[in-house]
Amino acid sequence: MSENTLSASAGAQQGESALGEAPTWIALVFFASGFSALVYQVVWQRAVFAIFGINTEAVTVVVTVFLLGLGLGSIVGGALSRVVRHPLLLFALSEFGIAAFGLVSLNLFRAVGSSAFELSAVGSGLLTFLLLMVPTLLMGMTLPLLVVYLVQQSGNVGRSTGLLYFVNTAGSGIASLVAVVLLLPRFGEHGSVRVAAITNLVVGAMVLIQHLRHPRDL
């Protein structure tokens, strides 16, 4: 068995072990958060195809901005998690921000596409890149914020991080299949984005309720 396989297996076992120690709602909200993120990526990939065509450039723009945005967002979220008093509130606001962008995202991409005749391919790509940085930064912030809260509850950094990676990755994997097989064929791009945005709103509301239910954290 390879080292990567052993590492993945250990991470999954660690995540499953942590499930028994963490509140159920944490697993549910981060599973749903990962689900919505991958739905956005699949739909936005198709939207960018309309701007650049189905080519390497379109794939590169979306994949690069997702990885960069998630990475930078994680750094920002990690820095904020050390100074903010209310990580759950900031997590909820991040989810609301993702939903807000998601609902207008396809119209924004359409506007970029209509301006592609005036902009160079590089200019259109840069504009799309900058647009996608907004929601991906917010997505990247969510993990460290929720890790901080969960560590405060369980006192175990390793298991807390393992749990969140486990459920978030599971949600993303399921979303990649559901988006292609069910959502896009049945609801189209706009409908699929609405499903993802509603998911973000529900997640944000659930986390906000948890924040308000714990006066000691206010």
N, C-alpha and C. Protein backbone atom coordinates (compact mmCIF):
# COMPACT_ATOMS: atom_id res chain seq x y z
N MET A 1 0.85 -1.19 0.00
CA MET A 1 0.00 0.00 0.00
C MET A 1 0.89 1.25 0.00
N SER A 2 0.58 2.24 -0.83
CA SER A 2 1.42 3.43 -0.96
C SER A 2 1.25 4.34 0.25
N GLU A 3 2.21 5.28 0.39
CA GLU A 3 2.13 6.24 1.49
C GLU A 3 0.90 7.11 1.36
N ASN A 4 0.55 7.51 0.11
CA ASN A 4 -0.62 8.35 -0.11
C ASN A 4 -1.89 7.62 0.31
N THR A 5 -1.96 6.32 -0.03
CA THR A 5 -3.14 5.54 0.35
C THR A 5 -3.24 5.42 1.85
N LEU A 6 -2.10 5.15 2.51
CA LEU A 6 -2.10 5.05 3.96
C LEU A 6 -2.50 6.36 4.60
N SER A 7 -2.00 7.48 4.04
CA SER A 7 -2.34 8.79 4.58
C SER A 7 -3.81 9.09 4.43
N ALA A 8 -4.37 8.78 3.24
CA ALA A 8 -5.79 9.03 3.00
C ALA A 8 -6.65 8.18 3.93
N SER A 9 -6.23 6.91 4.11
CA SER A 9 -6.98 6.01 4.98
C SER A 9 -6.94 6.49 6.42
N ALA A 10 -5.76 6.95 6.84
CA ALA A 10 -5.62 7.44 8.22
C ALA A 10 -6.47 8.69 8.42
N GLY A 11 -6.50 9.58 7.38
CA GLY A 11 -7.30 10.79 7.49
C GLY A 11 -8.77 10.48 7.59
N ALA A 12 -9.22 9.49 6.79
CA ALA A 12 -10.63 9.11 6.83
C ALA A 12 -10.98 8.51 8.18
N GLN A 13 -10.09 7.64 8.72
CA GLN A 13 -10.35 7.04 10.01
C GLN A 13 -10.37 8.09 11.11
N GLN A 14 -9.47 9.06 10.99
CA GLN A 14 -9.43 10.13 11.97
C GLN A 14 -10.70 10.96 11.91
N GLY A 15 -11.16 11.25 10.68
CA GLY A 15 -12.39 12.01 10.53
C GLY A 15 -13.57 11.26 11.09
N GLU A 16 -13.65 9.95 10.80
CA GLU A 16 -14.77 9.16 11.28
C GLU A 16 -14.75 9.06 12.80
N SER A 17 -13.54 8.95 13.37
CA SER A 17 -13.42 8.90 14.83
C SER A 17 -13.89 10.19 15.46
N ALA A 18 -13.55 11.31 14.80
CA ALA A 18 -13.93 12.62 15.35
C ALA A 18 -15.42 12.86 15.26
N LEU A 19 -16.09 12.18 14.34
CA LEU A 19 -17.53 12.38 14.20
C LEU A 19 -18.26 12.12 15.51
N GLY A 20 -17.76 11.14 16.26
CA GLY A 20 -18.43 10.80 17.51
C GLY A 20 -18.23 11.85 18.58
N GLU A 21 -17.21 12.73 18.44
CA GLU A 21 -16.91 13.72 19.46
C GLU A 21 -17.45 15.10 19.11
N ALA A 22 -17.78 15.35 17.86
CA ALA A 22 -18.20 16.67 17.42
C ALA A 22 -19.72 16.73 17.31
N PRO A 23 -20.30 17.93 17.51
CA PRO A 23 -21.74 18.09 17.29
C PRO A 23 -22.10 17.71 15.87
N THR A 24 -23.25 17.07 15.71
CA THR A 24 -23.67 16.60 14.38
C THR A 24 -23.81 17.75 13.40
N TRP A 25 -24.27 18.91 13.88
CA TRP A 25 -24.52 20.02 12.98
C TRP A 25 -23.25 20.50 12.29
N ILE A 26 -22.10 20.36 12.96
CA ILE A 26 -20.84 20.79 12.34
C ILE A 26 -20.53 19.94 11.12
N ALA A 27 -20.70 18.62 11.25
CA ALA A 27 -20.47 17.74 10.11
C ALA A 27 -21.43 18.05 8.98
N LEU A 28 -22.69 18.31 9.31
CA LEU A 28 -23.69 18.58 8.29
C LEU A 28 -23.40 19.88 7.53
N VAL A 29 -23.07 20.93 8.27
CA VAL A 29 -22.89 22.22 7.59
C VAL A 29 -21.63 22.22 6.73
N PHE A 30 -20.57 21.55 7.18
CA PHE A 30 -19.37 21.59 6.35
C PHE A 30 -19.45 20.62 5.19
N PHE A 31 -20.22 19.55 5.35
CA PHE A 31 -20.53 18.67 4.22
C PHE A 31 -21.28 19.48 3.16
N ALA A 32 -22.31 20.21 3.59
CA ALA A 32 -23.11 21.01 2.66
C ALA A 32 -22.30 22.12 2.04
N SER A 33 -21.39 22.71 2.81
CA SER A 33 -20.54 23.77 2.29
C SER A 33 -19.63 23.25 1.17
N GLY A 34 -19.06 22.07 1.38
CA GLY A 34 -18.24 21.45 0.33
C GLY A 34 -19.06 21.08 -0.88
N PHE A 35 -20.29 20.63 -0.66
CA PHE A 35 -21.19 20.29 -1.76
C PHE A 35 -21.45 21.50 -2.64
N SER A 36 -21.83 22.61 -2.02
CA SER A 36 -22.15 23.81 -2.81
C SER A 36 -20.93 24.34 -3.55
N ALA A 37 -19.75 24.26 -2.94
CA ALA A 37 -18.53 24.77 -3.58
C ALA A 37 -18.25 24.04 -4.88
N LEU A 38 -18.42 22.71 -4.89
CA LEU A 38 -18.15 21.96 -6.11
C LEU A 38 -19.23 22.16 -7.16
N VAL A 39 -20.46 22.39 -6.73
CA VAL A 39 -21.52 22.71 -7.69
C VAL A 39 -21.16 24.01 -8.41
N TYR A 40 -20.73 25.01 -7.63
CA TYR A 40 -20.30 26.27 -8.24
C TYR A 40 -19.16 26.04 -9.23
N GLN A 41 -18.18 25.26 -8.84
CA GLN A 41 -17.03 25.06 -9.72
C GLN A 41 -17.45 24.43 -11.05
N VAL A 42 -18.32 23.42 -10.98
CA VAL A 42 -18.77 22.76 -12.20
C VAL A 42 -19.55 23.73 -13.09
N VAL A 43 -20.46 24.48 -12.49
CA VAL A 43 -21.29 25.41 -13.27
C VAL A 43 -20.45 26.56 -13.80
N TRP A 44 -19.59 27.13 -12.97
CA TRP A 44 -18.77 28.24 -13.41
C TRP A 44 -17.80 27.82 -14.50
N GLN A 45 -17.35 26.58 -14.45
CA GLN A 45 -16.50 26.07 -15.52
C GLN A 45 -17.23 26.14 -16.85
N ARG A 46 -18.49 25.71 -16.85
CA ARG A 46 -19.29 25.76 -18.08
C ARG A 46 -19.53 27.19 -18.52
N ALA A 47 -19.74 28.09 -17.57
CA ALA A 47 -19.98 29.49 -17.90
C ALA A 47 -18.74 30.11 -18.53
N VAL A 48 -17.57 29.76 -18.01
CA VAL A 48 -16.33 30.29 -18.57
C VAL A 48 -16.08 29.73 -19.97
N PHE A 49 -16.55 28.50 -20.23
CA PHE A 49 -16.45 27.96 -21.58
C PHE A 49 -17.14 28.88 -22.58
N ALA A 50 -18.24 29.51 -22.15
CA ALA A 50 -18.98 30.40 -23.05
C ALA A 50 -18.16 31.64 -23.41
N ILE A 51 -17.20 31.99 -22.53
CA ILE A 51 -16.36 33.17 -22.78
C ILE A 51 -15.15 32.82 -23.64
N PHE A 52 -14.47 31.74 -23.27
CA PHE A 52 -13.22 31.39 -23.93
C PHE A 52 -13.34 30.24 -24.92
N GLY A 53 -14.49 29.54 -24.86
CA GLY A 53 -14.60 28.31 -25.62
C GLY A 53 -14.08 27.15 -24.79
N ILE A 54 -14.33 25.94 -25.27
CA ILE A 54 -13.88 24.75 -24.54
C ILE A 54 -12.42 24.51 -24.88
N ASN A 55 -11.55 25.02 -24.03
CA ASN A 55 -10.12 24.91 -24.30
C ASN A 55 -9.34 24.89 -22.99
N THR A 56 -8.05 24.76 -23.12
CA THR A 56 -7.18 24.68 -21.95
C THR A 56 -7.23 25.95 -21.13
N GLU A 57 -7.35 27.11 -21.79
CA GLU A 57 -7.36 28.38 -21.06
C GLU A 57 -8.53 28.46 -20.08
N ALA A 58 -9.72 28.02 -20.54
CA ALA A 58 -10.90 28.09 -19.69
C ALA A 58 -10.73 27.21 -18.46
N VAL A 59 -10.25 26.00 -18.67
CA VAL A 59 -10.03 25.08 -17.55
C VAL A 59 -9.00 25.66 -16.60
N THR A 60 -7.92 26.21 -17.16
CA THR A 60 -6.84 26.75 -16.34
C THR A 60 -7.32 27.89 -15.46
N VAL A 61 -8.13 28.81 -16.03
CA VAL A 61 -8.61 29.96 -15.27
C VAL A 61 -9.38 29.50 -14.04
N VAL A 62 -10.35 28.61 -14.22
CA VAL A 62 -11.21 28.20 -13.11
C VAL A 62 -10.45 27.39 -12.08
N VAL A 63 -9.68 26.39 -12.53
CA VAL A 63 -8.95 25.55 -11.58
C VAL A 63 -7.92 26.36 -10.81
N THR A 64 -7.21 27.24 -11.50
CA THR A 64 -6.18 28.06 -10.84
C THR A 64 -6.79 28.99 -9.81
N VAL A 65 -7.87 29.66 -10.18
CA VAL A 65 -8.45 30.62 -9.26
C VAL A 65 -9.08 29.92 -8.06
N PHE A 66 -9.63 28.72 -8.26
CA PHE A 66 -10.17 27.99 -7.13
C PHE A 66 -9.06 27.59 -6.16
N LEU A 67 -7.98 27.06 -6.67
CA LEU A 67 -6.89 26.64 -5.80
C LEU A 67 -6.25 27.84 -5.11
N LEU A 68 -6.01 28.91 -5.87
CA LEU A 68 -5.38 30.10 -5.29
C LEU A 68 -6.31 30.77 -4.29
N GLY A 69 -7.59 30.91 -4.66
CA GLY A 69 -8.55 31.55 -3.77
C GLY A 69 -8.73 30.78 -2.48
N LEU A 70 -8.84 29.46 -2.59
CA LEU A 70 -8.99 28.65 -1.38
C LEU A 70 -7.76 28.75 -0.49
N GLY A 71 -6.58 28.75 -1.12
CA GLY A 71 -5.35 28.85 -0.35
C GLY A 71 -5.23 30.19 0.36
N LEU A 72 -5.45 31.28 -0.39
CA LEU A 72 -5.36 32.61 0.22
C LEU A 72 -6.45 32.80 1.27
N GLY A 73 -7.65 32.28 0.98
CA GLY A 73 -8.74 32.38 1.94
C GLY A 73 -8.42 31.66 3.23
N SER A 74 -7.76 30.52 3.11
CA SER A 74 -7.37 29.77 4.30
C SER A 74 -6.38 30.56 5.15
N ILE A 75 -5.46 31.26 4.47
CA ILE A 75 -4.49 32.09 5.20
C ILE A 75 -5.21 33.23 5.91
N VAL A 76 -6.12 33.89 5.18
CA VAL A 76 -6.88 35.01 5.77
C VAL A 76 -7.74 34.51 6.93
N GLY A 77 -8.45 33.39 6.69
CA GLY A 77 -9.29 32.84 7.75
C GLY A 77 -8.49 32.43 8.97
N GLY A 78 -7.30 31.86 8.73
CA GLY A 78 -6.44 31.49 9.85
C GLY A 78 -6.01 32.69 10.67
N ALA A 79 -5.67 33.78 9.96
CA ALA A 79 -5.27 35.00 10.67
C ALA A 79 -6.44 35.59 11.45
N LEU A 80 -7.61 35.61 10.82
CA LEU A 80 -8.79 36.15 11.51
C LEU A 80 -9.20 35.29 12.70
N SER A 81 -9.04 33.97 12.56
CA SER A 81 -9.46 33.08 13.63
C SER A 81 -8.68 33.30 14.92
N ARG A 82 -7.50 33.91 14.80
CA ARG A 82 -6.68 34.17 15.98
C ARG A 82 -7.06 35.47 16.68
N VAL A 83 -7.85 36.30 16.01
CA VAL A 83 -8.17 37.60 16.60
C VAL A 83 -9.67 37.83 16.81
N VAL A 84 -10.52 37.16 16.01
CA VAL A 84 -11.96 37.40 16.15
C VAL A 84 -12.51 36.63 17.34
N ARG A 85 -13.52 37.18 17.98
CA ARG A 85 -14.14 36.52 19.13
C ARG A 85 -15.27 35.58 18.71
N HIS A 86 -15.78 35.77 17.51
CA HIS A 86 -16.97 35.03 17.10
C HIS A 86 -16.73 34.32 15.77
N PRO A 87 -16.00 33.22 15.76
CA PRO A 87 -15.72 32.52 14.50
C PRO A 87 -16.98 32.00 13.81
N LEU A 88 -17.98 31.60 14.58
CA LEU A 88 -19.21 31.11 13.96
C LEU A 88 -19.94 32.22 13.21
N LEU A 89 -19.95 33.42 13.79
CA LEU A 89 -20.60 34.55 13.12
C LEU A 89 -19.89 34.87 11.81
N LEU A 90 -18.57 34.87 11.82
CA LEU A 90 -17.82 35.17 10.61
C LEU A 90 -18.00 34.07 9.57
N PHE A 91 -18.10 32.81 10.03
CA PHE A 91 -18.38 31.70 9.12
C PHE A 91 -19.73 31.90 8.45
N ALA A 92 -20.75 32.24 9.24
CA ALA A 92 -22.09 32.45 8.68
C ALA A 92 -22.09 33.58 7.66
N LEU A 93 -21.41 34.67 7.97
CA LEU A 93 -21.34 35.80 7.04
C LEU A 93 -20.63 35.41 5.75
N SER A 94 -19.62 34.57 5.87
CA SER A 94 -18.91 34.09 4.67
C SER A 94 -19.85 33.28 3.78
N GLU A 95 -20.66 32.41 4.39
CA GLU A 95 -21.61 31.60 3.62
C GLU A 95 -22.64 32.49 2.94
N PHE A 96 -23.11 33.52 3.64
CA PHE A 96 -24.07 34.46 3.03
C PHE A 96 -23.43 35.20 1.86
N GLY A 97 -22.16 35.56 2.02
CA GLY A 97 -21.45 36.25 0.94
C GLY A 97 -21.28 35.37 -0.28
N ILE A 98 -20.97 34.09 -0.06
CA ILE A 98 -20.84 33.14 -1.17
C ILE A 98 -22.18 33.00 -1.90
N ALA A 99 -23.26 32.90 -1.13
CA ALA A 99 -24.59 32.78 -1.73
C ALA A 99 -24.94 34.00 -2.56
N ALA A 100 -24.63 35.19 -2.03
CA ALA A 100 -24.94 36.43 -2.74
C ALA A 100 -24.20 36.49 -4.07
N PHE A 101 -22.91 36.14 -4.05
CA PHE A 101 -22.15 36.15 -5.29
C PHE A 101 -22.69 35.10 -6.25
N GLY A 102 -22.99 33.92 -5.72
CA GLY A 102 -23.49 32.84 -6.57
C GLY A 102 -24.73 33.24 -7.34
N LEU A 103 -25.64 33.94 -6.68
CA LEU A 103 -26.91 34.30 -7.32
C LEU A 103 -26.73 35.27 -8.49
N VAL A 104 -25.67 36.08 -8.45
CA VAL A 104 -25.45 37.05 -9.53
C VAL A 104 -24.30 36.62 -10.44
N SER A 105 -23.66 35.49 -10.14
CA SER A 105 -22.43 35.11 -10.83
C SER A 105 -22.62 34.90 -12.33
N LEU A 106 -23.68 34.21 -12.73
CA LEU A 106 -23.83 33.91 -14.15
C LEU A 106 -24.10 35.18 -14.96
N ASN A 107 -24.82 36.14 -14.38
CA ASN A 107 -25.02 37.42 -15.06
C ASN A 107 -23.70 38.18 -15.18
N LEU A 108 -22.87 38.09 -14.16
CA LEU A 108 -21.56 38.73 -14.23
C LEU A 108 -20.71 38.11 -15.33
N PHE A 109 -20.72 36.78 -15.39
CA PHE A 109 -19.94 36.11 -16.43
C PHE A 109 -20.47 36.44 -17.82
N ARG A 110 -21.78 36.58 -17.92
CA ARG A 110 -22.36 36.94 -19.22
C ARG A 110 -21.90 38.34 -19.63
N ALA A 111 -21.82 39.24 -18.64
CA ALA A 111 -21.35 40.60 -18.94
C ALA A 111 -19.89 40.57 -19.38
N VAL A 112 -19.10 39.73 -18.73
CA VAL A 112 -17.70 39.59 -19.15
C VAL A 112 -17.62 39.04 -20.56
N GLY A 113 -18.49 38.06 -20.85
CA GLY A 113 -18.50 37.49 -22.19
C GLY A 113 -18.86 38.50 -23.25
N SER A 114 -19.81 39.39 -22.93
CA SER A 114 -20.22 40.39 -23.92
C SER A 114 -19.15 41.44 -24.15
N SER A 115 -18.27 41.60 -23.16
CA SER A 115 -17.18 42.57 -23.31
C SER A 115 -15.93 41.94 -23.90
N ALA A 116 -16.00 40.64 -24.16
CA ALA A 116 -14.82 39.95 -24.67
C ALA A 116 -14.38 40.49 -26.02
N PHE A 117 -15.32 41.09 -26.78
CA PHE A 117 -14.97 41.65 -28.08
C PHE A 117 -14.10 42.89 -27.93
N GLU A 118 -14.27 43.59 -26.78
CA GLU A 118 -13.49 44.80 -26.55
C GLU A 118 -12.19 44.50 -25.81
N LEU A 119 -12.19 43.44 -25.01
CA LEU A 119 -11.01 43.07 -24.25
C LEU A 119 -10.22 41.99 -24.97
N SER A 120 -8.95 41.93 -24.68
CA SER A 120 -8.14 40.83 -25.21
C SER A 120 -8.47 39.56 -24.44
N ALA A 121 -7.99 38.44 -24.93
CA ALA A 121 -8.21 37.18 -24.22
C ALA A 121 -7.59 37.24 -22.83
N VAL A 122 -6.42 37.88 -22.74
CA VAL A 122 -5.77 38.03 -21.44
C VAL A 122 -6.60 38.91 -20.52
N GLY A 123 -7.15 40.00 -21.07
CA GLY A 123 -7.97 40.90 -20.27
C GLY A 123 -9.23 40.23 -19.76
N SER A 124 -9.90 39.48 -20.62
CA SER A 124 -11.10 38.76 -20.21
C SER A 124 -10.78 37.71 -19.16
N GLY A 125 -9.66 37.01 -19.38
CA GLY A 125 -9.26 36.00 -18.41
C GLY A 125 -8.94 36.60 -17.06
N LEU A 126 -8.26 37.75 -17.06
CA LEU A 126 -7.91 38.41 -15.80
C LEU A 126 -9.15 38.89 -15.07
N LEU A 127 -10.12 39.43 -15.81
CA LEU A 127 -11.36 39.91 -15.20
C LEU A 127 -12.14 38.75 -14.58
N THR A 128 -12.23 37.65 -15.30
CA THR A 128 -12.91 36.47 -14.77
C THR A 128 -12.18 35.94 -13.54
N PHE A 129 -10.86 35.94 -13.62
CA PHE A 129 -10.03 35.49 -12.50
C PHE A 129 -10.33 36.32 -11.25
N LEU A 130 -10.37 37.64 -11.40
CA LEU A 130 -10.63 38.52 -10.27
C LEU A 130 -12.03 38.33 -9.71
N LEU A 131 -12.99 38.11 -10.60
CA LEU A 131 -14.36 37.88 -10.14
C LEU A 131 -14.44 36.62 -9.29
N LEU A 132 -13.82 35.56 -9.73
CA LEU A 132 -13.88 34.29 -9.02
C LEU A 132 -13.08 34.31 -7.72
N MET A 133 -12.15 35.25 -7.59
CA MET A 133 -11.37 35.32 -6.36
C MET A 133 -12.25 35.69 -5.17
N VAL A 134 -13.32 36.44 -5.42
CA VAL A 134 -14.19 36.88 -4.31
C VAL A 134 -14.82 35.69 -3.59
N PRO A 135 -15.58 34.83 -4.29
CA PRO A 135 -16.21 33.73 -3.57
C PRO A 135 -15.22 32.66 -3.10
N THR A 136 -14.14 32.43 -3.87
CA THR A 136 -13.20 31.39 -3.45
C THR A 136 -12.42 31.80 -2.20
N LEU A 137 -12.16 33.09 -2.04
CA LEU A 137 -11.55 33.56 -0.81
C LEU A 137 -12.46 33.27 0.38
N LEU A 138 -13.75 33.56 0.21
CA LEU A 138 -14.71 33.29 1.28
C LEU A 138 -14.80 31.80 1.58
N MET A 139 -14.78 30.98 0.52
CA MET A 139 -14.81 29.52 0.72
C MET A 139 -13.60 29.06 1.51
N GLY A 140 -12.43 29.60 1.17
CA GLY A 140 -11.21 29.20 1.86
C GLY A 140 -11.18 29.62 3.32
N MET A 141 -11.87 30.70 3.66
CA MET A 141 -11.89 31.19 5.03
C MET A 141 -12.66 30.27 5.97
N THR A 142 -13.61 29.50 5.42
CA THR A 142 -14.54 28.76 6.29
C THR A 142 -13.85 27.67 7.10
N LEU A 143 -12.87 26.97 6.52
CA LEU A 143 -12.24 25.86 7.23
C LEU A 143 -11.55 26.30 8.52
N PRO A 144 -10.61 27.26 8.48
CA PRO A 144 -9.95 27.64 9.73
C PRO A 144 -10.90 28.21 10.77
N LEU A 145 -11.95 28.90 10.33
CA LEU A 145 -12.91 29.46 11.28
C LEU A 145 -13.65 28.35 12.03
N LEU A 146 -14.06 27.33 11.29
CA LEU A 146 -14.78 26.23 11.92
C LEU A 146 -13.85 25.35 12.74
N VAL A 147 -12.59 25.23 12.29
CA VAL A 147 -11.61 24.46 13.06
C VAL A 147 -11.41 25.10 14.44
N VAL A 148 -11.30 26.42 14.46
CA VAL A 148 -11.10 27.12 15.74
C VAL A 148 -12.25 26.83 16.69
N TYR A 149 -13.47 26.91 16.18
CA TYR A 149 -14.63 26.65 17.04
C TYR A 149 -14.63 25.20 17.53
N LEU A 150 -14.35 24.27 16.64
CA LEU A 150 -14.40 22.86 17.00
C LEU A 150 -13.29 22.51 17.98
N VAL A 151 -12.12 23.12 17.81
CA VAL A 151 -11.01 22.89 18.74
C VAL A 151 -11.39 23.40 20.13
N GLN A 152 -12.08 24.54 20.18
CA GLN A 152 -12.54 25.07 21.46
C GLN A 152 -13.47 24.10 22.16
N GLN A 153 -14.24 23.35 21.37
CA GLN A 153 -15.20 22.40 21.95
C GLN A 153 -14.55 21.07 22.31
N SER A 154 -13.66 20.57 21.44
CA SER A 154 -13.10 19.23 21.65
C SER A 154 -11.70 19.25 22.25
N GLY A 155 -10.98 20.34 22.03
CA GLY A 155 -9.61 20.43 22.53
C GLY A 155 -8.62 19.60 21.74
N ASN A 156 -9.02 19.09 20.56
CA ASN A 156 -8.15 18.22 19.77
C ASN A 156 -8.01 18.80 18.37
N VAL A 157 -6.84 19.37 18.07
CA VAL A 157 -6.63 20.02 16.78
C VAL A 157 -6.64 19.00 15.64
N GLY A 158 -5.92 17.90 15.83
CA GLY A 158 -5.80 16.90 14.76
C GLY A 158 -7.14 16.32 14.36
N ARG A 159 -7.91 15.88 15.33
CA ARG A 159 -9.20 15.28 15.01
C ARG A 159 -10.19 16.30 14.47
N SER A 160 -10.13 17.52 14.98
CA SER A 160 -11.03 18.56 14.49
C SER A 160 -10.77 18.85 13.01
N THR A 161 -9.49 19.01 12.67
CA THR A 161 -9.12 19.27 11.28
C THR A 161 -9.45 18.07 10.40
N GLY A 162 -9.15 16.86 10.91
CA GLY A 162 -9.45 15.65 10.14
C GLY A 162 -10.93 15.49 9.85
N LEU A 163 -11.76 15.77 10.84
CA LEU A 163 -13.21 15.69 10.65
C LEU A 163 -13.67 16.63 9.55
N LEU A 164 -13.24 17.89 9.63
CA LEU A 164 -13.72 18.88 8.67
C LEU A 164 -13.23 18.58 7.26
N TYR A 165 -11.99 18.16 7.11
CA TYR A 165 -11.51 17.76 5.79
C TYR A 165 -12.30 16.57 5.27
N PHE A 166 -12.57 15.62 6.15
CA PHE A 166 -13.29 14.41 5.76
C PHE A 166 -14.68 14.73 5.22
N VAL A 167 -15.47 15.48 5.99
CA VAL A 167 -16.85 15.74 5.57
C VAL A 167 -16.90 16.72 4.40
N ASN A 168 -15.98 17.69 4.37
CA ASN A 168 -15.97 18.66 3.27
C ASN A 168 -15.59 17.99 1.96
N THR A 169 -14.60 17.09 2.01
CA THR A 169 -14.20 16.36 0.81
C THR A 169 -15.30 15.41 0.35
N ALA A 170 -15.99 14.79 1.31
CA ALA A 170 -17.11 13.92 0.95
C ALA A 170 -18.20 14.70 0.25
N GLY A 171 -18.53 15.88 0.77
CA GLY A 171 -19.54 16.72 0.13
C GLY A 171 -19.13 17.15 -1.27
N SER A 172 -17.85 17.48 -1.44
CA SER A 172 -17.35 17.89 -2.75
C SER A 172 -17.40 16.74 -3.75
N GLY A 173 -17.01 15.55 -3.30
CA GLY A 173 -17.03 14.40 -4.20
C GLY A 173 -18.43 14.06 -4.67
N ILE A 174 -19.39 14.10 -3.75
CA ILE A 174 -20.78 13.81 -4.12
C ILE A 174 -21.31 14.89 -5.05
N ALA A 175 -20.94 16.15 -4.79
CA ALA A 175 -21.42 17.25 -5.61
C ALA A 175 -20.95 17.14 -7.05
N SER A 176 -19.71 16.70 -7.25
CA SER A 176 -19.18 16.60 -8.61
C SER A 176 -19.99 15.61 -9.45
N LEU A 177 -20.53 14.60 -8.79
CA LEU A 177 -21.37 13.63 -9.49
C LEU A 177 -22.79 14.13 -9.65
N VAL A 178 -23.36 14.66 -8.56
CA VAL A 178 -24.75 15.12 -8.59
C VAL A 178 -24.93 16.28 -9.56
N ALA A 179 -23.95 17.19 -9.60
CA ALA A 179 -24.07 18.36 -10.48
C ALA A 179 -24.16 17.95 -11.93
N VAL A 180 -23.36 16.97 -12.34
CA VAL A 180 -23.32 16.55 -13.74
C VAL A 180 -24.49 15.64 -14.09
N VAL A 181 -24.83 14.74 -13.18
CA VAL A 181 -25.84 13.72 -13.47
C VAL A 181 -27.26 14.22 -13.23
N LEU A 182 -27.44 15.06 -12.22
CA LEU A 182 -28.80 15.45 -11.83
C LEU A 182 -29.09 16.93 -11.99
N LEU A 183 -28.29 17.80 -11.38
CA LEU A 183 -28.63 19.22 -11.32
C LEU A 183 -28.61 19.90 -12.68
N LEU A 184 -27.49 19.79 -13.39
CA LEU A 184 -27.40 20.48 -14.68
C LEU A 184 -28.41 19.96 -15.71
N PRO A 185 -28.59 18.64 -15.86
CA PRO A 185 -29.59 18.17 -16.83
C PRO A 185 -31.02 18.59 -16.47
N ARG A 186 -31.32 18.67 -15.18
CA ARG A 186 -32.69 18.94 -14.77
C ARG A 186 -32.97 20.43 -14.57
N PHE A 187 -32.01 21.16 -14.00
CA PHE A 187 -32.25 22.56 -13.64
C PHE A 187 -31.45 23.56 -14.47
N GLY A 188 -30.47 23.10 -15.23
CA GLY A 188 -29.64 24.01 -16.00
C GLY A 188 -28.66 24.75 -15.10
N GLU A 189 -27.89 25.66 -15.69
CA GLU A 189 -26.87 26.38 -14.94
C GLU A 189 -27.48 27.27 -13.87
N HIS A 190 -28.51 28.06 -14.24
CA HIS A 190 -29.11 28.97 -13.28
C HIS A 190 -29.75 28.22 -12.13
N GLY A 191 -30.47 27.16 -12.43
CA GLY A 191 -31.10 26.37 -11.38
C GLY A 191 -30.09 25.71 -10.46
N SER A 192 -29.00 25.22 -11.04
CA SER A 192 -27.96 24.57 -10.23
C SER A 192 -27.30 25.57 -9.29
N VAL A 193 -27.05 26.78 -9.79
CA VAL A 193 -26.46 27.82 -8.95
C VAL A 193 -27.42 28.20 -7.83
N ARG A 194 -28.72 28.23 -8.14
CA ARG A 194 -29.69 28.54 -7.08
C ARG A 194 -29.67 27.47 -6.00
N VAL A 195 -29.56 26.21 -6.40
CA VAL A 195 -29.48 25.13 -5.42
C VAL A 195 -28.26 25.33 -4.52
N ALA A 196 -27.12 25.66 -5.12
CA ALA A 196 -25.90 25.88 -4.34
C ALA A 196 -26.06 27.09 -3.42
N ALA A 197 -26.66 28.17 -3.94
CA ALA A 197 -26.84 29.38 -3.13
C ALA A 197 -27.79 29.13 -1.97
N ILE A 198 -28.87 28.41 -2.22
CA ILE A 198 -29.81 28.08 -1.14
C ILE A 198 -29.11 27.24 -0.08
N THR A 199 -28.25 26.33 -0.53
CA THR A 199 -27.48 25.51 0.41
C THR A 199 -26.61 26.39 1.29
N ASN A 200 -25.93 27.38 0.68
CA ASN A 200 -25.11 28.31 1.46
C ASN A 200 -25.95 29.09 2.45
N LEU A 201 -27.12 29.53 2.03
CA LEU A 201 -27.99 30.30 2.92
C LEU A 201 -28.46 29.46 4.10
N VAL A 202 -28.81 28.20 3.84
CA VAL A 202 -29.24 27.31 4.92
C VAL A 202 -28.08 27.05 5.88
N VAL A 203 -26.90 26.80 5.31
CA VAL A 203 -25.72 26.58 6.15
C VAL A 203 -25.43 27.81 7.00
N GLY A 204 -25.45 28.98 6.38
CA GLY A 204 -25.20 30.21 7.12
C GLY A 204 -26.22 30.42 8.23
N ALA A 205 -27.49 30.13 7.93
CA ALA A 205 -28.54 30.30 8.94
C ALA A 205 -28.35 29.33 10.10
N MET A 206 -28.00 28.08 9.78
CA MET A 206 -27.78 27.09 10.84
C MET A 206 -26.63 27.51 11.76
N VAL A 207 -25.55 27.98 11.16
CA VAL A 207 -24.39 28.38 11.96
C VAL A 207 -24.71 29.65 12.76
N LEU A 208 -25.45 30.57 12.16
CA LEU A 208 -25.83 31.79 12.87
C LEU A 208 -26.70 31.46 14.08
N ILE A 209 -27.61 30.52 13.92
CA ILE A 209 -28.46 30.09 15.04
C ILE A 209 -27.61 29.51 16.17
N GLN A 210 -26.63 28.68 15.79
CA GLN A 210 -25.74 28.11 16.80
C GLN A 210 -24.96 29.21 17.52
N HIS A 211 -24.53 30.20 16.77
CA HIS A 211 -23.82 31.33 17.35
C HIS A 211 -24.70 32.06 18.37
N LEU A 212 -25.97 32.29 18.02
CA LEU A 212 -26.87 33.02 18.89
C LEU A 212 -27.33 32.18 20.09
N ARG A 213 -27.25 30.86 19.96
CA ARG A 213 -27.68 29.98 21.05
C ARG A 213 -26.66 29.85 22.16
N HIS A 214 -25.47 30.38 21.93
CA HIS A 214 -24.40 30.24 22.93
C HIS A 214 -23.97 31.63 23.40
N PRO A 215 -24.71 32.20 24.34
CA PRO A 215 -24.39 33.57 24.81
C PRO A 215 -22.97 33.71 25.31
N ARG A 216 -22.39 32.63 25.81
CA ARG A 216 -21.02 32.73 26.35
C ARG A 216 -20.01 33.04 25.25
N ASP A 217 -20.42 32.75 23.97
CA ASP A 217 -19.51 33.03 22.85
C ASP A 217 -19.71 34.42 22.30
N LEU A 218 -20.75 35.15 22.77
CA LEU A 218 -21.08 36.46 22.19
C LEU A 218 -20.20 37.54 22.79
